[in-house]
Amino acid sequence: MINNIPCPSCATPILVNTEEFLKGTSFACSNCDVKLGIEEKTDLDQEKLDLFKKFTKTKKERMSVIPCPDCGAAITFYERDLKKGETISCSSCNASVAL
């Protein structure tokens, strides 16, 4: 996810990719060259920074995608959440799909 973070020095918006930021990438202000990054000074305490670093190292489960049988829109879901007899719904047309 990309966010506009105000520069702590001059308040110029800095485009920051949150996932890259948490992996250790630094982002610089285009106006005053102040850098934002996990290794740079921030207002977060060390415990929260360590938690962010741990979170980015965990493997994220991929989502599965199937087409809706009614409208053809993509239905995304985690396979672990789909159990026999339960349904998932299309966010576009509310059609239900079940195993």
C-alpha atoms as a PDB file:
ATOM      1  CA  MET A   1       0.000   0.000   0.000  1.00  0.00           C
ATOM      2  CA  ILE A   2       1.304   3.460  -0.883  1.00  0.00           C
ATOM      3  CA  ASN A   3       0.726   6.329   1.539  1.00  0.00           C
ATOM      4  CA  ASN A   4       1.533  10.040   1.609  1.00  0.00           C
ATOM      5  CA  ILE A   5       3.468  10.659   4.824  1.00  0.00           C
ATOM      6  CA  PRO A   6       4.232  14.289   5.734  1.00  0.00           C
ATOM      7  CA  CYS A   7       7.945  15.000   6.079  1.00  0.00           C
ATOM      8  CA  PRO A   8       8.762  15.550   9.774  1.00  0.00           C
ATOM      9  CA  SER A   9      10.977  18.483   8.803  1.00  0.00           C
ATOM     10  CA  CYS A  10       9.055  20.459   6.151  1.00  0.00           C
ATOM     11  CA  ALA A  11       5.629  18.691   5.909  1.00  0.00           C
ATOM     12  CA  THR A  12       6.079  17.911   2.181  1.00  0.00           C
ATOM     13  CA  PRO A  13       4.203  14.654   1.359  1.00  0.00           C
ATOM     14  CA  ILE A  14       6.534  11.686   0.885  1.00  0.00           C
ATOM     15  CA  LEU A  15       5.192   8.706  -1.126  1.00  0.00           C
ATOM     16  CA  VAL A  16       5.912   5.662   1.044  1.00  0.00           C
ATOM     17  CA  ASN A  17       5.274   2.049   0.050  1.00  0.00           C
ATOM     18  CA  THR A  18       4.299   0.566   3.434  1.00  0.00           C
ATOM     19  CA  GLU A  19       5.455  -2.986   2.665  1.00  0.00           C
ATOM     20  CA  GLU A  20       8.850  -1.779   1.417  1.00  0.00           C
ATOM     21  CA  PHE A  21       9.150   0.584   4.400  1.00  0.00           C
ATOM     22  CA  LEU A  22       8.594  -2.290   6.821  1.00  0.00           C
ATOM     23  CA  LYS A  23      11.212  -4.368   5.003  1.00  0.00           C
ATOM     24  CA  GLY A  24      13.797  -1.637   5.654  1.00  0.00           C
ATOM     25  CA  THR A  25      13.642   0.573   2.555  1.00  0.00           C
ATOM     26  CA  SER A  26      14.187   4.282   3.263  1.00  0.00           C
ATOM     27  CA  PHE A  27      12.252   7.053   1.515  1.00  0.00           C
ATOM     28  CA  ALA A  28      13.575  10.608   1.081  1.00  0.00           C
ATOM     29  CA  CYS A  29      11.744  13.919   1.046  1.00  0.00           C
ATOM     30  CA  SER A  30      11.965  15.575  -2.378  1.00  0.00           C
ATOM     31  CA  ASN A  31      12.123  19.012  -0.767  1.00  0.00           C
ATOM     32  CA  CYS A  32      14.677  18.720   2.054  1.00  0.00           C
ATOM     33  CA  ASP A  33      16.217  15.201   1.690  1.00  0.00           C
ATOM     34  CA  VAL A  34      15.101  14.030   5.157  1.00  0.00           C
ATOM     35  CA  LYS A  35      14.899  10.225   5.129  1.00  0.00           C
ATOM     36  CA  LEU A  36      12.147   8.024   6.545  1.00  0.00           C
ATOM     37  CA  GLY A  37      12.877   4.390   7.248  1.00  0.00           C
ATOM     38  CA  ILE A  38      13.031   1.691   9.885  1.00  0.00           C
ATOM     39  CA  GLU A  39      16.722   2.427  10.491  1.00  0.00           C
ATOM     40  CA  GLU A  40      16.119   6.195  10.599  1.00  0.00           C
ATOM     41  CA  LYS A  41      14.877   8.077  13.660  1.00  0.00           C
ATOM     42  CA  THR A  42      11.128   7.721  14.125  1.00  0.00           C
ATOM     43  CA  ASP A  43       8.645   8.428  16.883  1.00  0.00           C
ATOM     44  CA  LEU A  44       7.997   4.673  17.342  1.00  0.00           C
ATOM     45  CA  ASP A  45       9.671   2.910  20.239  1.00  0.00           C
ATOM     46  CA  GLN A  46      12.063   0.016  19.576  1.00  0.00           C
ATOM     47  CA  GLU A  47       9.547  -2.629  20.651  1.00  0.00           C
ATOM     48  CA  LYS A  48       7.071  -1.553  17.952  1.00  0.00           C
ATOM     49  CA  LEU A  49       9.831  -1.400  15.319  1.00  0.00           C
ATOM     50  CA  ASP A  50      10.884  -4.952  16.202  1.00  0.00           C
ATOM     51  CA  LEU A  51       7.255  -6.092  15.893  1.00  0.00           C
ATOM     52  CA  PHE A  52       6.990  -4.484  12.415  1.00  0.00           C
ATOM     53  CA  LYS A  53      10.207  -6.200  11.301  1.00  0.00           C
ATOM     54  CA  LYS A  54       8.974  -9.567  12.578  1.00  0.00           C
ATOM     55  CA  PHE A  55       5.628  -9.103  10.804  1.00  0.00           C
ATOM     56  CA  THR A  56       7.282  -8.444   7.434  1.00  0.00           C
ATOM     57  CA  LYS A  57       9.375 -11.614   7.731  1.00  0.00           C
ATOM     58  CA  THR A  58       6.362 -13.887   8.226  1.00  0.00           C
ATOM     59  CA  LYS A  59       5.168 -15.688   5.125  1.00  0.00           C
ATOM     60  CA  LYS A  60       1.908 -14.302   3.856  1.00  0.00           C
ATOM     61  CA  GLU A  61      -0.589 -16.842   2.571  1.00  0.00           C
ATOM     62  CA  ARG A  62      -1.616 -16.338  -1.036  1.00  0.00           C
ATOM     63  CA  MET A  63      -5.236 -15.879  -1.937  1.00  0.00           C
ATOM     64  CA  SER A  64      -7.015 -18.027  -4.490  1.00  0.00           C
ATOM     65  CA  VAL A  65      -9.177 -16.518  -7.200  1.00  0.00           C
ATOM     66  CA  ILE A  66     -12.129 -18.057  -9.057  1.00  0.00           C
ATOM     67  CA  PRO A  67     -14.559 -16.442 -11.497  1.00  0.00           C
ATOM     68  CA  CYS A  68     -18.116 -15.850 -10.315  1.00  0.00           C
ATOM     69  CA  PRO A  69     -20.439 -18.301 -12.126  1.00  0.00           C
ATOM     70  CA  ASP A  70     -23.085 -15.574 -12.565  1.00  0.00           C
ATOM     71  CA  CYS A  71     -21.262 -12.352 -13.457  1.00  0.00           C
ATOM     72  CA  GLY A  72     -17.678 -13.492 -14.117  1.00  0.00           C
ATOM     73  CA  ALA A  73     -16.132 -11.147 -11.504  1.00  0.00           C
ATOM     74  CA  ALA A  74     -13.143 -12.423  -9.558  1.00  0.00           C
ATOM     75  CA  ILE A  75     -13.914 -13.973  -6.171  1.00  0.00           C
ATOM     76  CA  THR A  76     -10.865 -14.036  -3.918  1.00  0.00           C
ATOM     77  CA  PHE A  77     -10.551 -16.254  -0.839  1.00  0.00           C
ATOM     78  CA  TYR A  78      -8.062 -18.084   1.354  1.00  0.00           C
ATOM     79  CA  GLU A  79      -8.255 -21.834   0.815  1.00  0.00           C
ATOM     80  CA  ARG A  80      -8.100 -22.412   4.578  1.00  0.00           C
ATOM     81  CA  ASP A  81     -11.382 -20.473   4.924  1.00  0.00           C
ATOM     82  CA  LEU A  82     -13.285 -22.573   2.373  1.00  0.00           C
ATOM     83  CA  LYS A  83     -14.679 -25.714   3.979  1.00  0.00           C
ATOM     84  CA  LYS A  84     -16.987 -28.336   2.530  1.00  0.00           C
ATOM     85  CA  GLY A  85     -20.590 -27.193   2.718  1.00  0.00           C
ATOM     86  CA  GLU A  86     -19.771 -23.519   3.396  1.00  0.00           C
ATOM     87  CA  THR A  87     -20.233 -20.782   0.818  1.00  0.00           C
ATOM     88  CA  ILE A  88     -18.354 -17.742  -0.375  1.00  0.00           C
ATOM     89  CA  SER A  89     -20.121 -14.799  -1.992  1.00  0.00           C
ATOM     90  CA  CYS A  90     -19.332 -12.648  -4.991  1.00  0.00           C
ATOM     91  CA  SER A  91     -18.804  -9.030  -3.942  1.00  0.00           C
ATOM     92  CA  SER A  92     -20.253  -7.800  -7.257  1.00  0.00           C
ATOM     93  CA  CYS A  93     -23.545  -9.702  -7.541  1.00  0.00           C
ATOM     94  CA  ASN A  94     -23.802 -11.571  -4.198  1.00  0.00           C
ATOM     95  CA  ALA A  95     -23.959 -14.984  -5.917  1.00  0.00           C
ATOM     96  CA  SER A  96     -22.948 -17.848  -3.611  1.00  0.00           C
ATOM     97  CA  VAL A  97     -20.389 -20.518  -4.468  1.00  0.00           C
ATOM     98  CA  ALA A  98     -19.954 -23.712  -2.408  1.00  0.00           C
ATOM     99  CA  LEU A  99     -17.912 -26.906  -2.492  1.00  0.00           C
END
